[in-house]
N, C-alpha and C. Protein backbone atom coordinates (compact mmCIF):
# COMPACT_ATOMS: atom_id res chain seq x y z
N MET A 1 0.84 -1.18 0.00
CA MET A 1 0.00 0.00 0.00
C MET A 1 0.89 1.24 0.00
N SER A 2 0.61 2.20 -0.86
CA SER A 2 1.42 3.40 -0.92
C SER A 2 0.98 4.41 0.13
N ALA A 3 1.89 5.32 0.45
CA ALA A 3 1.59 6.36 1.44
C ALA A 3 0.59 7.35 0.85
N SER A 4 -0.23 7.90 1.72
CA SER A 4 -1.20 8.89 1.26
C SER A 4 -0.47 10.19 0.92
N PRO A 5 -1.06 11.00 0.06
CA PRO A 5 -0.41 12.27 -0.29
C PRO A 5 -0.12 13.14 0.93
N SER A 6 -1.02 13.14 1.91
CA SER A 6 -0.79 13.98 3.08
C SER A 6 0.38 13.47 3.91
N SER A 7 0.55 12.15 4.01
CA SER A 7 1.69 11.64 4.77
C SER A 7 2.98 11.86 3.99
N SER A 8 2.92 11.85 2.68
CA SER A 8 4.10 12.15 1.88
C SER A 8 4.50 13.62 2.05
N ALA A 9 3.51 14.49 2.07
CA ALA A 9 3.78 15.91 2.27
C ALA A 9 4.36 16.15 3.66
N GLN A 10 3.82 15.47 4.67
CA GLN A 10 4.33 15.62 6.03
C GLN A 10 5.77 15.10 6.11
N ALA A 11 6.06 14.00 5.45
CA ALA A 11 7.42 13.47 5.46
C ALA A 11 8.38 14.45 4.79
N ALA A 12 7.94 15.09 3.73
CA ALA A 12 8.77 16.09 3.05
C ALA A 12 9.02 17.29 3.97
N ARG A 13 7.97 17.76 4.66
CA ARG A 13 8.12 18.88 5.60
C ARG A 13 9.10 18.52 6.71
N GLU A 14 9.02 17.29 7.19
CA GLU A 14 9.93 16.85 8.26
C GLU A 14 11.37 16.80 7.77
N GLY A 15 11.57 16.40 6.52
CA GLY A 15 12.92 16.40 5.95
C GLY A 15 13.48 17.80 5.82
N VAL A 16 12.65 18.73 5.34
CA VAL A 16 13.07 20.13 5.22
C VAL A 16 13.36 20.70 6.60
N ALA A 17 12.51 20.39 7.56
CA ALA A 17 12.67 20.89 8.92
C ALA A 17 14.00 20.43 9.52
N ALA A 18 14.29 19.15 9.36
CA ALA A 18 15.53 18.61 9.92
C ALA A 18 16.75 19.24 9.26
N ARG A 19 16.70 19.41 7.96
CA ARG A 19 17.84 20.00 7.24
C ARG A 19 18.01 21.48 7.61
N LEU A 20 16.90 22.21 7.71
CA LEU A 20 16.97 23.62 8.10
C LEU A 20 17.57 23.75 9.49
N ARG A 21 17.13 22.92 10.42
CA ARG A 21 17.66 22.95 11.78
C ARG A 21 19.16 22.66 11.78
N GLU A 22 19.56 21.66 11.00
CA GLU A 22 20.98 21.29 10.91
C GLU A 22 21.81 22.45 10.37
N LEU A 23 21.33 23.06 9.29
CA LEU A 23 22.06 24.19 8.70
C LEU A 23 22.13 25.37 9.66
N ARG A 24 21.02 25.65 10.33
CA ARG A 24 20.99 26.77 11.27
C ARG A 24 21.96 26.54 12.41
N MET A 25 21.96 25.35 12.96
CA MET A 25 22.85 25.06 14.08
C MET A 25 24.32 25.07 13.64
N ASP A 26 24.61 24.53 12.47
CA ASP A 26 25.98 24.55 11.95
C ASP A 26 26.48 25.97 11.75
N ALA A 27 25.55 26.87 11.41
CA ALA A 27 25.92 28.28 11.21
C ALA A 27 25.99 29.04 12.53
N GLY A 28 25.62 28.40 13.63
CA GLY A 28 25.67 29.05 14.93
C GLY A 28 24.57 30.08 15.12
N LEU A 29 23.45 29.88 14.46
CA LEU A 29 22.34 30.82 14.55
C LEU A 29 21.25 30.31 15.48
N THR A 30 20.57 31.24 16.12
CA THR A 30 19.37 30.88 16.86
C THR A 30 18.19 30.92 15.89
N GLY A 31 17.06 30.42 16.33
CA GLY A 31 15.86 30.49 15.50
C GLY A 31 15.49 31.94 15.19
N ARG A 32 15.67 32.80 16.17
CA ARG A 32 15.36 34.23 15.99
C ARG A 32 16.33 34.85 14.98
N ASP A 33 17.62 34.48 15.06
CA ASP A 33 18.61 34.98 14.09
C ASP A 33 18.21 34.58 12.67
N LEU A 34 17.82 33.34 12.51
CA LEU A 34 17.40 32.84 11.20
C LEU A 34 16.22 33.64 10.68
N ALA A 35 15.25 33.86 11.56
CA ALA A 35 14.05 34.60 11.16
C ALA A 35 14.41 36.00 10.68
N VAL A 36 15.28 36.68 11.41
CA VAL A 36 15.68 38.04 11.03
C VAL A 36 16.37 38.02 9.67
N LEU A 37 17.29 37.10 9.48
CA LEU A 37 18.03 37.02 8.22
C LEU A 37 17.13 36.66 7.04
N ALA A 38 16.12 35.84 7.30
CA ALA A 38 15.21 35.41 6.23
C ALA A 38 14.06 36.39 6.01
N GLY A 39 13.91 37.36 6.92
CA GLY A 39 12.80 38.30 6.80
C GLY A 39 11.49 37.70 7.25
N TRP A 40 11.56 36.71 8.14
CA TRP A 40 10.38 36.02 8.65
C TRP A 40 10.09 36.49 10.08
N HIS A 41 8.87 36.23 10.53
CA HIS A 41 8.53 36.38 11.93
C HIS A 41 9.17 35.19 12.65
N ALA A 42 9.60 35.37 13.88
CA ALA A 42 10.26 34.29 14.62
C ALA A 42 9.39 33.04 14.72
N SER A 43 8.08 33.22 14.84
CA SER A 43 7.21 32.04 14.96
C SER A 43 7.19 31.23 13.67
N LYS A 44 7.41 31.89 12.53
CA LYS A 44 7.41 31.15 11.26
C LYS A 44 8.60 30.21 11.19
N SER A 45 9.78 30.68 11.60
CA SER A 45 10.94 29.79 11.56
C SER A 45 10.74 28.62 12.51
N SER A 46 10.12 28.86 13.65
CA SER A 46 9.84 27.79 14.59
C SER A 46 8.86 26.77 14.00
N ARG A 47 7.79 27.26 13.37
CA ARG A 47 6.80 26.35 12.78
C ARG A 47 7.41 25.52 11.65
N ILE A 48 8.30 26.12 10.88
CA ILE A 48 8.95 25.37 9.79
C ILE A 48 9.87 24.30 10.38
N GLU A 49 10.65 24.67 11.40
CA GLU A 49 11.57 23.69 12.02
C GLU A 49 10.84 22.57 12.75
N LYS A 50 9.62 22.81 13.14
CA LYS A 50 8.82 21.78 13.81
C LYS A 50 7.92 21.06 12.83
N ALA A 51 8.08 21.35 11.54
CA ALA A 51 7.33 20.72 10.45
C ALA A 51 5.82 20.93 10.59
N LYS A 52 5.44 22.06 11.17
CA LYS A 52 4.02 22.38 11.31
C LYS A 52 3.50 23.13 10.09
N THR A 53 4.39 23.82 9.39
CA THR A 53 3.99 24.57 8.21
C THR A 53 5.10 24.46 7.16
N PRO A 54 4.74 24.41 5.89
CA PRO A 54 5.78 24.32 4.87
C PRO A 54 6.41 25.70 4.62
N PRO A 55 7.66 25.73 4.21
CA PRO A 55 8.25 27.02 3.85
C PRO A 55 7.60 27.54 2.57
N SER A 56 7.59 28.83 2.42
CA SER A 56 7.02 29.42 1.21
C SER A 56 8.02 30.35 0.57
């Protein structure tokens, strides 16, 4: 049985979240630092890293 589209999308978000967290930590940035540099609200970077919302 194949995965449902929603579970595939969630798996993709989780992969992006993990990679973003890894890159941010390797760069020595906090979530707030990342948000400022990306022009995002701090809560957006948190939601992306927690795979709650996809990046846009």
